[in-house]
Amino acid sequence: MLEAVRPRVTMAVEGDVEVHDAVRVDLPGATLYGIVLQAEEDRVQVRVSDGQRLPWAERWRLILY
């Protein structure tokens, strides 16, 4: 009997994100653009271009510009 083989999924993580970097955040249902305000080991806080929101996002959702 053959066993199902699960593909290994790895996600690139932006490791060199710093405060004031411009980023794109790909969320399920939205794409946000903004500037990094705080960076932690596994997430960053982004000031979104509309200036109203300051969401935290997991690093793997970021694309550095």
N, C-alpha and C. Protein backbone atom coordinates (compact mmCIF):
# COMPACT_ATOMS: atom_id res chain seq x y z
N MET A 1 0.84 -1.17 0.00
CA MET A 1 0.00 0.00 0.00
C MET A 1 0.89 1.25 0.00
N LEU A 2 0.56 2.19 -0.82
CA LEU A 2 1.33 3.43 -0.93
C LEU A 2 0.87 4.44 0.11
N GLU A 3 1.83 5.12 0.67
CA GLU A 3 1.51 6.18 1.62
C GLU A 3 1.48 7.51 0.89
N ALA A 4 0.57 8.37 1.30
CA ALA A 4 0.51 9.71 0.72
C ALA A 4 1.70 10.51 1.22
N VAL A 5 2.34 11.20 0.33
CA VAL A 5 3.49 12.02 0.70
C VAL A 5 3.05 13.47 0.71
N ARG A 6 3.22 14.12 1.83
CA ARG A 6 2.85 15.53 1.94
C ARG A 6 4.01 16.39 1.49
N PRO A 7 3.75 17.32 0.60
CA PRO A 7 4.85 18.21 0.20
C PRO A 7 5.24 19.11 1.37
N ARG A 8 6.50 19.39 1.47
CA ARG A 8 6.99 20.27 2.53
C ARG A 8 6.84 21.71 2.06
N VAL A 9 6.16 22.50 2.84
CA VAL A 9 5.93 23.89 2.48
C VAL A 9 6.79 24.77 3.37
N THR A 10 7.57 25.61 2.74
CA THR A 10 8.36 26.58 3.50
C THR A 10 8.00 27.96 2.98
N MET A 11 8.00 28.92 3.86
CA MET A 11 7.66 30.29 3.50
C MET A 11 8.86 31.18 3.74
N ALA A 12 9.16 32.01 2.77
CA ALA A 12 10.25 32.96 2.95
C ALA A 12 9.84 33.99 4.00
N VAL A 13 10.76 34.33 4.86
CA VAL A 13 10.49 35.31 5.90
C VAL A 13 11.48 36.45 5.74
N GLU A 14 10.94 37.66 5.68
CA GLU A 14 11.81 38.83 5.58
C GLU A 14 12.54 38.99 6.91
N GLY A 15 13.82 38.72 6.93
CA GLY A 15 14.59 38.78 8.16
C GLY A 15 15.27 40.11 8.40
N ASP A 16 15.38 40.91 7.37
CA ASP A 16 16.11 42.17 7.51
C ASP A 16 15.19 43.38 7.53
N VAL A 17 13.96 43.20 7.99
CA VAL A 17 13.01 44.31 8.09
C VAL A 17 13.41 45.20 9.25
N GLU A 18 13.43 46.50 9.00
CA GLU A 18 13.78 47.47 10.04
C GLU A 18 12.70 48.54 10.12
N VAL A 19 12.70 49.27 11.22
CA VAL A 19 11.77 50.38 11.39
C VAL A 19 11.95 51.37 10.25
N HIS A 20 10.85 51.87 9.73
CA HIS A 20 10.76 52.84 8.64
C HIS A 20 10.91 52.23 7.25
N ASP A 21 11.01 50.88 7.14
CA ASP A 21 11.02 50.24 5.83
C ASP A 21 9.62 50.27 5.23
N ALA A 22 9.54 50.44 3.92
CA ALA A 22 8.27 50.36 3.21
C ALA A 22 7.98 48.90 2.90
N VAL A 23 6.74 48.45 3.19
CA VAL A 23 6.38 47.06 3.01
C VAL A 23 4.98 46.91 2.40
N ARG A 24 4.76 45.73 1.85
CA ARG A 24 3.42 45.31 1.44
C ARG A 24 3.08 44.13 2.34
N VAL A 25 1.84 44.09 2.84
CA VAL A 25 1.39 43.01 3.71
C VAL A 25 0.26 42.30 2.99
N ASP A 26 0.46 41.02 2.68
CA ASP A 26 -0.56 40.22 2.02
C ASP A 26 -1.37 39.48 3.06
N LEU A 27 -2.61 39.94 3.27
CA LEU A 27 -3.52 39.32 4.23
C LEU A 27 -4.61 38.58 3.46
N PRO A 28 -5.28 37.65 4.09
CA PRO A 28 -6.40 36.99 3.41
C PRO A 28 -7.53 38.01 3.23
N GLY A 29 -7.79 38.45 2.07
CA GLY A 29 -8.87 39.40 1.84
C GLY A 29 -8.42 40.84 1.70
N ALA A 30 -7.15 41.13 1.85
CA ALA A 30 -6.67 42.51 1.71
C ALA A 30 -5.17 42.54 1.49
N THR A 31 -4.74 43.55 0.77
CA THR A 31 -3.31 43.83 0.62
C THR A 31 -3.10 45.24 1.12
N LEU A 32 -2.21 45.38 2.09
CA LEU A 32 -1.95 46.68 2.71
C LEU A 32 -0.55 47.16 2.35
N TYR A 33 -0.40 48.46 2.25
CA TYR A 33 0.91 49.08 2.00
C TYR A 33 1.18 50.04 3.13
N GLY A 34 2.42 50.06 3.61
CA GLY A 34 2.72 50.98 4.70
C GLY A 34 4.18 50.97 5.09
N ILE A 35 4.43 51.52 6.28
CA ILE A 35 5.77 51.69 6.83
C ILE A 35 5.86 50.93 8.15
N VAL A 36 6.96 50.23 8.38
CA VAL A 36 7.17 49.48 9.62
C VAL A 36 7.40 50.46 10.77
N LEU A 37 6.62 50.30 11.85
CA LEU A 37 6.79 51.12 13.06
C LEU A 37 7.56 50.39 14.14
N GLN A 38 7.28 49.08 14.28
CA GLN A 38 7.97 48.26 15.27
C GLN A 38 8.24 46.90 14.66
N ALA A 39 9.36 46.31 15.01
CA ALA A 39 9.69 44.98 14.52
C ALA A 39 10.05 44.07 15.69
N GLU A 40 9.37 42.95 15.77
CA GLU A 40 9.67 41.93 16.76
C GLU A 40 10.18 40.69 16.02
N GLU A 41 10.51 39.66 16.75
CA GLU A 41 11.10 38.46 16.15
C GLU A 41 10.19 37.83 15.10
N ASP A 42 8.89 37.73 15.38
CA ASP A 42 7.99 37.03 14.48
C ASP A 42 6.89 37.90 13.86
N ARG A 43 6.85 39.18 14.19
CA ARG A 43 5.81 40.06 13.63
C ARG A 43 6.30 41.50 13.60
N VAL A 44 5.58 42.31 12.82
CA VAL A 44 5.89 43.74 12.74
C VAL A 44 4.59 44.54 12.82
N GLN A 45 4.70 45.77 13.29
CA GLN A 45 3.56 46.67 13.28
C GLN A 45 3.75 47.64 12.13
N VAL A 46 2.68 47.81 11.34
CA VAL A 46 2.76 48.60 10.12
C VAL A 46 1.80 49.78 10.19
N ARG A 47 2.30 50.98 9.85
CA ARG A 47 1.41 52.13 9.70
C ARG A 47 0.92 52.08 8.25
N VAL A 48 -0.36 51.78 8.10
CA VAL A 48 -0.95 51.62 6.78
C VAL A 48 -1.09 52.98 6.11
N SER A 49 -1.02 52.99 4.79
CA SER A 49 -0.99 54.24 4.03
C SER A 49 -2.18 55.16 4.31
N ASP A 50 -3.32 54.61 4.77
CA ASP A 50 -4.45 55.49 5.09
C ASP A 50 -4.25 56.21 6.43
N GLY A 51 -3.20 55.83 7.18
CA GLY A 51 -2.88 56.50 8.43
C GLY A 51 -3.79 56.17 9.60
N GLN A 52 -4.84 55.41 9.36
CA GLN A 52 -5.82 55.11 10.39
C GLN A 52 -5.50 53.84 11.18
N ARG A 53 -4.88 52.88 10.51
CA ARG A 53 -4.69 51.57 11.13
C ARG A 53 -3.22 51.31 11.42
N LEU A 54 -2.99 50.57 12.52
CA LEU A 54 -1.65 50.17 12.90
C LEU A 54 -1.65 48.66 13.18
N PRO A 55 -1.92 47.84 12.17
CA PRO A 55 -2.04 46.40 12.42
C PRO A 55 -0.69 45.72 12.64
N TRP A 56 -0.72 44.64 13.39
CA TRP A 56 0.44 43.76 13.53
C TRP A 56 0.31 42.68 12.47
N ALA A 57 1.41 42.33 11.83
CA ALA A 57 1.39 41.28 10.81
C ALA A 57 2.56 40.33 11.03
N GLU A 58 2.32 39.07 10.75
CA GLU A 58 3.38 38.07 10.83
C GLU A 58 4.41 38.36 9.75
N ARG A 59 5.67 38.17 10.05
CA ARG A 59 6.75 38.50 9.11
C ARG A 59 6.61 37.79 7.77
N TRP A 60 6.09 36.56 7.75
CA TRP A 60 6.02 35.83 6.49
C TRP A 60 5.00 36.44 5.54
N ARG A 61 4.15 37.35 6.01
CA ARG A 61 3.18 38.02 5.15
C ARG A 61 3.73 39.29 4.49
N LEU A 62 4.96 39.68 4.82
CA LEU A 62 5.55 40.92 4.34
C LEU A 62 6.34 40.75 3.06
N ILE A 63 6.28 41.78 2.26
CA ILE A 63 7.19 41.91 1.12
C ILE A 63 7.84 43.27 1.28
N LEU A 64 9.15 43.27 1.36
CA LEU A 64 9.93 44.48 1.58
C LEU A 64 10.11 45.22 0.26
N TYR A 65 9.90 46.54 0.30
CA TYR A 65 10.11 47.36 -0.90
C TYR A 65 11.37 48.16 -0.79
